[in-house]
Amino acid sequence: MTSGEGSGSKRDRPGATPLPNLPHKGGGDSPAGAAKLDLGEASHRRLNPLTGEWTLVSPHRMQRPWQGKREAVAAAPSLQHDPNCYLCPGNVRANGARNPHYPHTFVFDNDFAALHPDAPPDRVEDGLLVAEGESGLCRVLCFSPRHDLTLAQMEVADIERVLDSWVEETINLGSLPDVASVQIFENRGEIMGCSNPHPHGQIWATRHLPNELEKETRSQTAYLLERGRVMLLDYLDEELVRAERILFSNAHFVVLVPFWAVWPFETMILPRRRIGGFDELLPDEKPALARALSELTRRYDRLFDVSFPYSMGFHQKPTDGAVHAEWQMHAHFYPPLLRSATVKKFMVGFEMLGSPQRDLTPEAAAARLREA
C-alpha cells in the first residue's frame, strides 16, 4: 500500500477533465468583491454527483463541547467457537437446521428473510396510494468459522475467500430472471444493529433496483451520455490530482474519503479501471481488493483503539443483462463514530428533515485516518 499516493498526473484518457465546479479553497464562482469560499472554515454544502444530493458542512462547529449520549463499548468475543451462536460451525440455527463444520466461508438462505422469492408481482394503485409485490432472496455469508474475528483481524488470504463468495453469489443470484440487483453488505457492531458478533455479512437480491442504486444508475447514465466517460473514473482522476482525501492505494484500488461524505469517517473503495461488478474482477484484482479491505478496517480499529462499527456495502451494476457501460463498482463504508469510541453521530432534526450535516471536514477526517 502506498499512503497518500496520487500526486502525479492524470491517466491518459482522451478528453479527461476535472469534475466541473468542484469548489476548493480560493476557488469557485463568487460575486465581485465577495470573500472566497474557504472549505476549511466557512459553512458550505457539497454535492454528491452519484445521488444528486447535498451535504451541509460546518467546520466552525468542531470546537463545540459535547454533552450528549455516550455509547458503551461492546466487549470483544473471547471464544473461537461459541456453543450458543447460531452462526458457528456445527451449531443449530433458530429454524432447526444445523450448520456444517465449514472450514472457511459458509453461505445460507436467511432464516428470517426480508424478501420472499414467491411474492406476487402485482401492483396496486388507488390515487396516491401505490404498492407492488417485491420478490427476492436474502442470504447470509459467514466470513470465517472463528467467532472471535472481524475483517480487520482476518488474514488477507481469508478475506480473498470472502471475495470469492461475493463473486459466486453475484453471478448465481444475478442470473435469476426476477433479480435486478445484488446488494452485498455488512453491519458491524452492536450500535449498527448487528445482532451477532460472529463475522458475517448479507446478500440481498431484489426484483427492482433499491433506491440508492436507482439514483446512482440514473446519475452515472446521464454523465456517460453527456460526456462519454465514466463518472467515477473522472472523479478518481480529480481525487488523485488533489490527493488530500486519499488514504492509501495499491495497483488496482484507491481508498479515500469522498468529497461529499456524510458520516464523520465515511470512505469509499474505488477501482482504478472500469469494473461494473464482482463478476468482472480479474484474478490479480481480488487479492488487491482483499488487501484494501484489510488495511481500511485495521485503520478504523486503530483510530479510536476499538473494534470499529460500520455499515459497509458494495454497489455494482444492475443484473438485468444489459452492458451498463456507465457503471463503476465501488464500496461505501458508513461508520457512526464521531469523536471517540463512545461518541457517535446521530442523523436527527435538520438531517432528517432537510439535508445531512457534518462538522469534521472530509479532508480532516482523511488526515486522521492516514495517521491511524
Protein backbone atom coordinates (compact mmCIF):
# COMPACT_ATOMS: atom_id res chain seq x y z
CA MET A 1 0.00 0.00 0.00
CA THR A 2 1.15 3.50 -0.80
CA SER A 3 -0.08 6.08 1.69
CA GLY A 4 -1.42 9.23 0.05
CA GLU A 5 -0.41 8.09 -3.45
CA GLY A 6 -1.78 10.25 -6.22
CA SER A 7 0.20 13.45 -6.61
CA GLY A 8 1.14 12.56 -10.18
CA SER A 9 -0.62 13.38 -13.44
CA LYS A 10 -3.96 12.04 -14.56
CA ARG A 11 -4.15 8.85 -16.56
CA ASP A 12 -4.01 9.44 -20.28
CA ARG A 13 -7.62 9.17 -21.34
CA PRO A 14 -8.92 11.24 -24.25
CA GLY A 15 -10.89 14.26 -23.13
CA ALA A 16 -10.34 13.68 -19.40
CA THR A 17 -11.02 16.88 -17.47
CA PRO A 18 -11.54 17.67 -13.79
CA LEU A 19 -15.09 17.48 -12.47
CA PRO A 20 -16.61 20.92 -13.08
CA ASN A 21 -17.49 23.36 -10.35
CA LEU A 22 -15.90 21.38 -7.51
CA PRO A 23 -15.17 24.24 -5.13
CA HIS A 24 -11.95 24.38 -3.14
CA LYS A 25 -10.13 26.92 -1.03
CA GLY A 26 -9.70 30.09 -3.05
CA GLY A 27 -11.73 28.71 -5.97
CA GLY A 28 -15.25 28.59 -7.29
CA ASP A 29 -17.52 31.32 -8.59
CA SER A 30 -18.37 34.23 -6.28
CA PRO A 31 -19.78 37.73 -6.77
CA ALA A 32 -17.34 40.56 -7.37
CA GLY A 33 -15.88 41.74 -4.08
CA ALA A 34 -17.15 38.73 -2.14
CA ALA A 35 -14.81 36.69 0.06
CA LYS A 36 -13.52 33.47 -1.47
CA LEU A 37 -15.02 30.30 -0.01
CA ASP A 38 -12.66 28.56 2.43
CA LEU A 39 -13.90 24.96 2.76
CA GLY A 40 -11.91 24.52 5.97
CA GLU A 41 -13.61 27.42 7.77
CA ALA A 42 -16.92 28.53 6.22
CA SER A 43 -20.24 26.72 6.34
CA HIS A 44 -20.97 25.34 2.88
CA ARG A 45 -22.65 22.46 1.11
CA ARG A 46 -21.17 19.78 -1.13
CA LEU A 47 -22.84 17.92 -3.98
CA ASN A 48 -22.78 14.15 -4.28
CA PRO A 49 -22.85 13.60 -8.07
CA LEU A 50 -23.82 9.95 -7.60
CA THR A 51 -27.13 10.82 -5.96
CA GLY A 52 -27.66 14.49 -6.79
CA GLU A 53 -27.99 15.26 -3.08
CA TRP A 54 -26.20 17.87 -0.95
CA THR A 55 -24.39 17.63 2.39
CA LEU A 56 -24.05 20.65 4.70
CA VAL A 57 -20.53 21.05 6.13
CA SER A 58 -19.99 23.21 9.24
CA PRO A 59 -16.27 23.11 10.11
CA HIS A 60 -16.56 26.04 12.56
CA ARG A 61 -18.59 23.78 14.90
CA MET A 62 -15.65 21.50 15.69
CA GLN A 63 -14.99 23.47 18.88
CA ARG A 64 -18.50 22.75 20.18
CA PRO A 65 -18.37 20.93 23.56
CA TRP A 66 -20.03 17.52 23.68
CA GLN A 67 -22.53 16.84 26.44
CA GLY A 68 -24.62 14.23 24.67
CA LYS A 69 -25.04 10.49 24.85
CA ARG A 70 -22.01 8.26 25.22
CA GLU A 71 -22.16 4.68 24.00
CA ALA A 72 -20.89 1.68 25.91
CA VAL A 73 -18.06 -0.13 24.16
CA ALA A 74 -19.10 -3.72 23.48
CA ALA A 75 -16.73 -6.39 24.74
CA ALA A 76 -14.98 -8.34 22.01
CA PRO A 77 -15.92 -12.04 21.77
CA SER A 78 -13.43 -14.20 23.63
CA LEU A 79 -14.43 -17.62 22.30
CA GLN A 80 -13.23 -19.02 18.99
CA HIS A 81 -16.37 -21.17 18.97
CA ASP A 82 -19.47 -20.13 20.87
CA PRO A 83 -21.88 -23.05 21.50
CA ASN A 84 -24.76 -20.54 21.72
CA CYS A 85 -24.00 -18.79 18.42
CA TYR A 86 -26.33 -19.74 15.56
CA LEU A 87 -23.58 -18.93 13.00
CA CYS A 88 -20.74 -21.04 14.43
CA PRO A 89 -19.89 -24.34 12.70
CA GLY A 90 -21.89 -27.35 13.86
CA ASN A 91 -24.45 -25.32 15.82
CA VAL A 92 -28.21 -25.43 15.37
CA ARG A 93 -29.95 -22.33 13.97
CA ALA A 94 -33.33 -20.97 15.04
CA ASN A 95 -35.16 -22.92 12.32
CA GLY A 96 -33.68 -26.23 13.47
CA ALA A 97 -31.11 -26.54 10.66
CA ARG A 98 -27.60 -27.47 11.75
CA ASN A 99 -24.62 -25.62 10.28
CA PRO A 100 -21.93 -27.74 8.64
CA HIS A 101 -18.43 -27.78 10.09
CA TYR A 102 -17.30 -25.27 7.50
CA PRO A 103 -13.53 -24.55 7.30
CA HIS A 104 -13.67 -21.12 5.66
CA THR A 105 -16.85 -19.34 4.44
CA PHE A 106 -20.45 -20.53 4.67
CA VAL A 107 -23.48 -19.18 2.77
CA PHE A 108 -27.12 -19.99 3.51
CA ASP A 109 -30.59 -18.55 3.00
CA ASN A 110 -31.56 -16.17 5.81
CA ASP A 111 -33.89 -17.94 8.23
CA PHE A 112 -35.81 -14.67 8.72
CA ALA A 113 -35.57 -13.18 5.24
CA ALA A 114 -36.97 -9.72 4.48
CA LEU A 115 -37.95 -10.89 0.98
CA HIS A 116 -40.00 -13.85 -0.25
CA PRO A 117 -38.93 -15.44 -3.55
CA ASP A 118 -42.57 -16.12 -4.47
CA ALA A 119 -44.03 -12.69 -3.66
CA PRO A 120 -46.56 -11.88 -6.44
CA PRO A 121 -45.54 -9.08 -8.84
CA ASP A 122 -48.97 -7.42 -8.61
CA ARG A 123 -49.21 -3.63 -8.45
CA VAL A 124 -52.00 -1.89 -6.55
CA GLU A 125 -52.86 1.76 -7.16
CA ASP A 126 -55.53 3.95 -5.62
CA GLY A 127 -54.69 7.57 -6.36
CA LEU A 128 -51.55 8.39 -4.42
CA LEU A 129 -51.54 5.01 -2.68
CA VAL A 130 -49.29 2.68 -4.68
CA ALA A 131 -47.85 -0.70 -3.69
CA GLU A 132 -46.35 -3.59 -5.59
CA GLY A 133 -45.00 -7.01 -4.74
CA GLU A 134 -41.24 -7.29 -4.24
CA SER A 135 -39.74 -10.74 -4.58
CA GLY A 136 -36.18 -11.65 -3.83
CA LEU A 137 -33.71 -13.68 -1.84
CA CYS A 138 -31.74 -12.87 1.32
CA ARG A 139 -28.59 -14.83 2.07
CA VAL A 140 -26.13 -14.81 4.97
CA LEU A 141 -22.39 -15.18 4.41
CA CYS A 142 -20.23 -16.24 7.36
CA PHE A 143 -16.76 -14.82 6.72
CA SER A 144 -14.94 -17.27 8.96
CA PRO A 145 -15.61 -20.23 11.27
CA ARG A 146 -13.88 -18.22 14.04
CA HIS A 147 -16.42 -16.48 16.27
CA ASP A 148 -13.85 -14.03 17.67
CA LEU A 149 -12.62 -12.42 14.44
CA THR A 150 -13.54 -9.39 12.34
CA LEU A 151 -12.46 -8.45 8.81
CA ALA A 152 -9.74 -6.33 10.42
CA GLN A 153 -8.37 -9.38 12.24
CA MET A 154 -8.62 -11.88 9.40
CA GLU A 155 -5.73 -12.85 7.17
CA VAL A 156 -5.78 -11.35 3.69
CA ALA A 157 -5.99 -14.85 2.17
CA ASP A 158 -9.15 -15.49 4.17
CA ILE A 159 -10.66 -12.17 3.03
CA GLU A 160 -9.96 -13.34 -0.53
CA ARG A 161 -12.20 -16.34 0.18
CA VAL A 162 -14.94 -13.93 1.22
CA LEU A 163 -14.45 -12.13 -2.10
CA ASP A 164 -14.73 -15.45 -3.94
CA SER A 165 -18.11 -15.96 -2.26
CA TRP A 166 -19.23 -12.46 -3.22
CA VAL A 167 -18.27 -13.17 -6.84
CA GLU A 168 -20.08 -16.51 -6.85
CA GLU A 169 -23.24 -15.11 -5.25
CA THR A 170 -23.28 -12.12 -7.61
CA ILE A 171 -23.12 -14.43 -10.62
CA ASN A 172 -25.61 -17.02 -9.33
CA LEU A 173 -28.20 -14.63 -7.94
CA GLY A 174 -27.76 -12.09 -10.72
CA SER A 175 -28.53 -14.74 -13.33
CA LEU A 176 -32.01 -15.38 -11.91
CA PRO A 177 -34.75 -13.99 -14.18
CA ASP A 178 -36.51 -11.92 -11.48
CA VAL A 179 -33.39 -10.37 -9.92
CA ALA A 180 -32.42 -6.82 -10.98
CA SER A 181 -29.89 -6.12 -8.23
CA VAL A 182 -27.50 -7.97 -5.92
CA GLN A 183 -26.63 -5.93 -2.83
CA ILE A 184 -23.72 -7.11 -0.67
CA PHE A 185 -23.33 -5.54 2.77
CA GLU A 186 -22.11 -5.94 6.34
CA ASN A 187 -23.36 -4.35 9.55
CA ARG A 188 -20.53 -4.38 12.07
CA GLY A 189 -21.08 -3.74 15.80
CA GLU A 190 -23.99 -3.53 18.21
CA ILE A 191 -24.62 0.17 17.61
CA MET A 192 -25.15 -0.61 13.91
CA GLY A 193 -27.86 -3.12 14.79
CA CYS A 194 -25.72 -6.21 14.31
CA SER A 195 -27.42 -8.98 16.30
CA ASN A 196 -24.49 -11.39 16.32
CA PRO A 197 -20.72 -10.63 16.63
CA HIS A 198 -19.76 -13.65 14.54
CA PRO A 199 -18.09 -12.23 11.38
CA HIS A 200 -20.74 -12.26 8.68
CA GLY A 201 -22.47 -10.18 6.05
CA GLN A 202 -25.60 -10.36 3.97
CA ILE A 203 -26.55 -10.56 0.30
CA TRP A 204 -29.97 -9.38 -0.83
CA ALA A 205 -31.18 -10.00 -4.38
CA THR A 206 -34.21 -7.91 -5.35
CA ARG A 207 -36.70 -7.77 -8.22
CA HIS A 208 -36.32 -3.98 -8.55
CA LEU A 209 -33.36 -1.64 -8.09
CA PRO A 210 -33.19 -0.33 -4.50
CA ASN A 211 -33.42 3.44 -4.09
CA GLU A 212 -29.67 4.14 -3.84
CA LEU A 213 -28.76 2.01 -6.84
CA GLU A 214 -31.55 3.59 -8.88
CA LYS A 215 -30.19 7.08 -8.11
CA GLU A 216 -26.61 6.05 -8.88
CA THR A 217 -27.64 4.36 -12.12
CA ARG A 218 -29.54 7.45 -13.25
CA SER A 219 -26.66 9.81 -12.45
CA GLN A 220 -23.94 7.65 -13.99
CA THR A 221 -26.02 7.09 -17.12
CA ALA A 222 -26.63 10.83 -17.57
CA TYR A 223 -22.91 11.56 -17.11
CA LEU A 224 -21.87 8.96 -19.67
CA LEU A 225 -24.41 10.21 -22.22
CA GLU A 226 -23.35 13.83 -21.72
CA ARG A 227 -19.57 13.39 -21.59
CA GLY A 228 -18.82 9.98 -22.99
CA ARG A 229 -16.84 8.99 -19.89
CA VAL A 230 -17.43 7.08 -16.66
CA MET A 231 -18.27 9.42 -13.78
CA LEU A 232 -16.33 7.64 -11.04
CA LEU A 233 -13.21 7.31 -13.18
CA ASP A 234 -13.28 11.07 -13.75
CA TYR A 235 -13.90 11.58 -10.04
CA LEU A 236 -10.95 9.34 -9.15
CA ASP A 237 -8.76 11.35 -11.52
CA GLU A 238 -9.72 14.52 -9.67
CA GLU A 239 -9.01 12.98 -6.27
CA LEU A 240 -5.63 11.57 -7.32
CA VAL A 241 -4.53 15.02 -8.51
CA ARG A 242 -5.62 16.74 -5.29
CA ALA A 243 -4.53 13.84 -3.01
CA GLU A 244 -5.91 15.48 0.15
CA ARG A 245 -8.67 12.90 0.67
CA ILE A 246 -6.69 9.80 -0.38
CA LEU A 247 -5.95 7.35 2.45
CA PHE A 248 -3.90 4.77 0.57
CA SER A 249 -3.87 2.84 -2.68
CA ASN A 250 -2.44 -0.16 -4.46
CA ALA A 251 -2.05 -1.17 -8.09
CA HIS A 252 -5.79 -1.75 -8.57
CA PHE A 253 -7.78 0.13 -5.90
CA VAL A 254 -7.82 3.53 -4.18
CA VAL A 255 -9.32 4.16 -0.75
CA LEU A 256 -10.47 7.70 0.03
CA VAL A 257 -12.85 9.89 1.99
CA PRO A 258 -15.34 11.17 -0.60
CA PHE A 259 -15.60 14.93 -1.12
CA TRP A 260 -19.32 14.74 -0.27
CA ALA A 261 -19.02 12.37 2.73
CA VAL A 262 -21.94 12.45 5.20
CA TRP A 263 -20.66 10.27 8.05
CA PRO A 264 -17.61 11.55 10.01
CA PHE A 265 -15.17 8.87 8.80
CA GLU A 266 -17.02 7.69 5.71
CA THR A 267 -14.86 6.13 3.00
CA MET A 268 -15.07 4.67 -0.49
CA ILE A 269 -13.06 2.00 -2.28
CA LEU A 270 -12.72 2.71 -6.00
CA PRO A 271 -11.16 0.58 -8.75
CA ARG A 272 -8.54 2.20 -10.97
CA ARG A 273 -10.09 0.73 -14.13
CA ARG A 274 -13.73 0.38 -15.12
CA ILE A 275 -15.26 -2.60 -13.34
CA GLY A 276 -19.04 -2.95 -13.43
CA GLY A 277 -19.40 -5.64 -10.77
CA PHE A 278 -17.84 -8.56 -8.94
CA ASP A 279 -18.27 -10.76 -11.99
CA GLU A 280 -15.76 -8.56 -13.87
CA LEU A 281 -12.89 -8.81 -11.36
CA LEU A 282 -9.64 -10.13 -12.82
CA PRO A 283 -7.58 -12.71 -10.86
CA ASP A 284 -4.96 -10.19 -9.68
CA GLU A 285 -7.62 -7.70 -8.59
CA LYS A 286 -9.14 -9.94 -5.92
CA PRO A 287 -6.03 -10.05 -3.67
CA ALA A 288 -5.62 -6.29 -4.19
CA LEU A 289 -9.20 -5.66 -3.05
CA ALA A 290 -8.71 -8.02 -0.10
CA ARG A 291 -5.62 -6.05 0.95
CA ALA A 292 -7.55 -2.78 0.65
CA LEU A 293 -10.37 -4.12 2.86
CA SER A 294 -7.86 -5.39 5.40
CA GLU A 295 -5.90 -2.14 5.55
CA LEU A 296 -9.01 0.06 5.78
CA THR A 297 -10.68 -1.91 8.57
CA ARG A 298 -7.40 -2.06 10.51
CA ARG A 299 -7.03 1.73 10.23
CA TYR A 300 -10.57 2.13 11.51
CA ASP A 301 -9.77 -0.04 14.55
CA ARG A 302 -6.60 1.95 15.28
CA LEU A 303 -8.36 5.33 15.07
CA PHE A 304 -10.07 5.02 18.46
CA ASP A 305 -8.46 1.73 19.64
CA VAL A 306 -11.76 -0.11 19.35
CA SER A 307 -13.36 -2.65 17.03
CA PHE A 308 -14.83 -0.01 14.74
CA PRO A 309 -18.57 -0.27 13.96
CA TYR A 310 -19.85 0.46 10.47
CA SER A 311 -22.31 -0.40 7.75
CA MET A 312 -20.49 -1.15 4.53
CA GLY A 313 -21.56 -2.43 1.16
CA PHE A 314 -20.64 -2.74 -2.49
CA HIS A 315 -22.66 -1.02 -5.21
CA GLN A 316 -22.44 -2.76 -8.55
CA LYS A 317 -24.21 -2.71 -11.90
CA PRO A 318 -27.81 -3.95 -12.23
CA THR A 319 -28.15 -7.62 -13.17
CA ASP A 320 -30.70 -7.16 -15.97
CA GLY A 321 -28.34 -8.47 -18.63
CA ALA A 322 -27.51 -5.07 -20.14
CA VAL A 323 -23.88 -3.95 -20.56
CA HIS A 324 -24.19 -0.91 -18.24
CA ALA A 325 -21.06 0.82 -19.51
CA GLU A 326 -21.89 3.73 -17.21
CA TRP A 327 -21.46 1.70 -14.04
CA GLN A 328 -18.37 1.67 -11.84
CA MET A 329 -18.40 -0.77 -8.95
CA HIS A 330 -17.43 0.74 -5.58
CA ALA A 331 -17.68 0.18 -1.85
CA HIS A 332 -19.17 2.54 0.74
CA PHE A 333 -18.18 2.44 4.42
CA TYR A 334 -20.52 4.34 6.76
CA PRO A 335 -19.12 4.30 10.34
CA PRO A 336 -21.09 6.20 13.01
CA LEU A 337 -18.30 7.10 15.49
CA LEU A 338 -17.68 10.83 15.77
CA ARG A 339 -15.22 11.94 18.46
CA SER A 340 -14.24 8.77 20.28
CA ALA A 341 -15.16 5.13 20.77
CA THR A 342 -18.16 6.22 22.86
CA VAL A 343 -19.50 9.23 20.92
CA LYS A 344 -21.41 8.59 17.71
CA LYS A 345 -23.15 10.75 15.15
CA PHE A 346 -26.96 10.86 15.11
CA MET A 347 -28.99 11.62 11.99
CA VAL A 348 -31.76 13.74 13.51
CA GLY A 349 -33.53 17.09 13.18
CA PHE A 350 -32.34 19.05 10.14
CA GLU A 351 -30.56 15.96 8.83
CA MET A 352 -33.83 14.03 8.66
CA LEU A 353 -35.97 16.96 7.52
CA GLY A 354 -33.51 18.97 5.42
CA SER A 355 -30.03 17.75 4.44
CA PRO A 356 -27.28 15.66 6.07
CA GLN A 357 -24.80 17.79 8.04
CA ARG A 358 -21.27 17.25 9.33
CA ASP A 359 -18.76 19.28 11.34
CA LEU A 360 -15.48 17.45 10.69
CA THR A 361 -14.44 18.15 7.11
CA PRO A 362 -13.73 15.18 4.84
CA GLU A 363 -10.17 16.49 4.45
CA ALA A 364 -9.62 16.48 8.23
CA ALA A 365 -11.15 13.00 8.50
CA ALA A 366 -8.82 11.72 5.78
CA ALA A 367 -5.80 13.20 7.56
CA ARG A 368 -6.73 11.41 10.78
CA LEU A 369 -7.27 8.10 9.02
CA ARG A 370 -3.91 8.44 7.22
CA GLU A 371 -2.25 8.86 10.60
CA ALA A 372 -4.05 5.88 12.21
